[in-house]
Amino acid sequence: MKRNKHANEITERFRELVESAGDTLPDNHYKELALLIEAGIDTALVDKLEEVANKVDSLAHDIRSDAEKFS
């Protein structure tokens, strides 16, 4: 799962920034951050898939319309 790996990489980078500033957060906060990032990635993917589905649907209608003209 690339999105899970990507979310964890972002979270680890954030952890590095927090720790380099001399601060700390509990591990469960980082786990929650990774889940939130993954959810954001999932939402973006679903939105993009809906756009693609709409394009495919529109193309299918165009093809049907063109086919009816040739019938």
C-alpha atoms as a PDB file:
ATOM      1  CA  MET A   1       0.000   0.000   0.000  1.00  0.00           C
ATOM      2  CA  LYS A   2       1.763   3.057  -1.217  1.00  0.00           C
ATOM      3  CA  ARG A   3      -0.534   5.490   0.563  1.00  0.00           C
ATOM      4  CA  ASN A   4       0.144   3.845   3.927  1.00  0.00           C
ATOM      5  CA  LYS A   5       3.885   3.997   3.321  1.00  0.00           C
ATOM      6  CA  HIS A   6       3.637   7.601   2.169  1.00  0.00           C
ATOM      7  CA  ALA A   7       1.559   8.583   5.209  1.00  0.00           C
ATOM      8  CA  ASN A   8       4.133   6.972   7.493  1.00  0.00           C
ATOM      9  CA  GLU A   9       6.999   8.744   5.729  1.00  0.00           C
ATOM     10  CA  ILE A  10       5.272  12.111   6.156  1.00  0.00           C
ATOM     11  CA  THR A  11       4.601  11.326   9.809  1.00  0.00           C
ATOM     12  CA  GLU A  12       8.218  10.347  10.407  1.00  0.00           C
ATOM     13  CA  ARG A  13       9.409  13.574   8.789  1.00  0.00           C
ATOM     14  CA  PHE A  14       7.047  15.515  11.049  1.00  0.00           C
ATOM     15  CA  ARG A  15       8.411  13.598  14.061  1.00  0.00           C
ATOM     16  CA  GLU A  16      11.948  14.598  13.032  1.00  0.00           C
ATOM     17  CA  LEU A  17      10.910  18.253  12.821  1.00  0.00           C
ATOM     18  CA  VAL A  18       9.218  18.142  16.222  1.00  0.00           C
ATOM     19  CA  GLU A  19      12.161  16.400  17.861  1.00  0.00           C
ATOM     20  CA  SER A  20      14.731  18.677  16.215  1.00  0.00           C
ATOM     21  CA  ALA A  21      12.859  21.599  17.777  1.00  0.00           C
ATOM     22  CA  GLY A  22      13.366  19.932  21.167  1.00  0.00           C
ATOM     23  CA  ASP A  23       9.733  18.907  21.573  1.00  0.00           C
ATOM     24  CA  THR A  24       8.097  15.514  21.940  1.00  0.00           C
ATOM     25  CA  LEU A  25       4.680  14.011  21.359  1.00  0.00           C
ATOM     26  CA  PRO A  26       3.311  10.651  22.455  1.00  0.00           C
ATOM     27  CA  ASP A  27       3.566   7.819  19.900  1.00  0.00           C
ATOM     28  CA  ASN A  28      -0.223   7.549  19.697  1.00  0.00           C
ATOM     29  CA  HIS A  29      -0.347  11.123  18.336  1.00  0.00           C
ATOM     30  CA  TYR A  30       1.973  10.139  15.512  1.00  0.00           C
ATOM     31  CA  LYS A  31      -0.140   7.064  14.776  1.00  0.00           C
ATOM     32  CA  GLU A  32      -3.242   9.256  14.628  1.00  0.00           C
ATOM     33  CA  LEU A  33      -1.440  11.723  12.354  1.00  0.00           C
ATOM     34  CA  ALA A  34      -0.526   8.880   9.979  1.00  0.00           C
ATOM     35  CA  LEU A  35      -4.179   7.783   9.900  1.00  0.00           C
ATOM     36  CA  LEU A  36      -5.335  11.330   9.183  1.00  0.00           C
ATOM     37  CA  ILE A  37      -2.817  11.695   6.369  1.00  0.00           C
ATOM     38  CA  GLU A  38      -3.860   8.346   4.904  1.00  0.00           C
ATOM     39  CA  ALA A  39      -7.526   9.384   5.097  1.00  0.00           C
ATOM     40  CA  GLY A  40      -6.680  12.593   3.260  1.00  0.00           C
ATOM     41  CA  ILE A  41      -4.891  10.640   0.544  1.00  0.00           C
ATOM     42  CA  ASP A  42      -7.877   8.279   0.262  1.00  0.00           C
ATOM     43  CA  THR A  43     -10.267  11.222  -0.099  1.00  0.00           C
ATOM     44  CA  ALA A  44      -8.144  12.738  -2.853  1.00  0.00           C
ATOM     45  CA  LEU A  45      -8.021   9.388  -4.666  1.00  0.00           C
ATOM     46  CA  VAL A  46     -11.789   8.928  -4.453  1.00  0.00           C
ATOM     47  CA  ASP A  47     -12.343  12.446  -5.781  1.00  0.00           C
ATOM     48  CA  LYS A  48     -10.022  11.741  -8.718  1.00  0.00           C
ATOM     49  CA  LEU A  49     -11.703   8.391  -9.419  1.00  0.00           C
ATOM     50  CA  GLU A  50     -15.088  10.134  -9.484  1.00  0.00           C
ATOM     51  CA  GLU A  51     -13.741  12.591 -12.063  1.00  0.00           C
ATOM     52  CA  VAL A  52     -12.464   9.712 -14.197  1.00  0.00           C
ATOM     53  CA  ALA A  53     -15.784   7.852 -13.845  1.00  0.00           C
ATOM     54  CA  ASN A  54     -17.660  10.967 -14.978  1.00  0.00           C
ATOM     55  CA  LYS A  55     -15.411  11.265 -18.037  1.00  0.00           C
ATOM     56  CA  VAL A  56     -15.916   7.588 -18.898  1.00  0.00           C
ATOM     57  CA  ASP A  57     -19.686   7.979 -18.479  1.00  0.00           C
ATOM     58  CA  SER A  58     -19.712  11.023 -20.742  1.00  0.00           C
ATOM     59  CA  LEU A  59     -17.633   9.203 -23.334  1.00  0.00           C
ATOM     60  CA  ALA A  60     -20.006   6.215 -23.212  1.00  0.00           C
ATOM     61  CA  HIS A  61     -22.965   8.528 -23.873  1.00  0.00           C
ATOM     62  CA  ASP A  62     -21.117  10.124 -26.798  1.00  0.00           C
ATOM     63  CA  ILE A  63     -20.306   6.706 -28.251  1.00  0.00           C
ATOM     64  CA  ARG A  64     -23.956   5.591 -27.938  1.00  0.00           C
ATOM     65  CA  SER A  65     -25.105   8.783 -29.593  1.00  0.00           C
ATOM     66  CA  ASP A  66     -22.655   8.347 -32.468  1.00  0.00           C
ATOM     67  CA  ALA A  67     -23.645   4.680 -32.842  1.00  0.00           C
ATOM     68  CA  GLU A  68     -27.324   5.637 -33.101  1.00  0.00           C
ATOM     69  CA  LYS A  69     -26.501   8.007 -35.971  1.00  0.00           C
ATOM     70  CA  PHE A  70     -24.923   5.139 -37.920  1.00  0.00           C
ATOM     71  CA  SER A  71     -27.748   2.657 -37.263  1.00  0.00           C
END
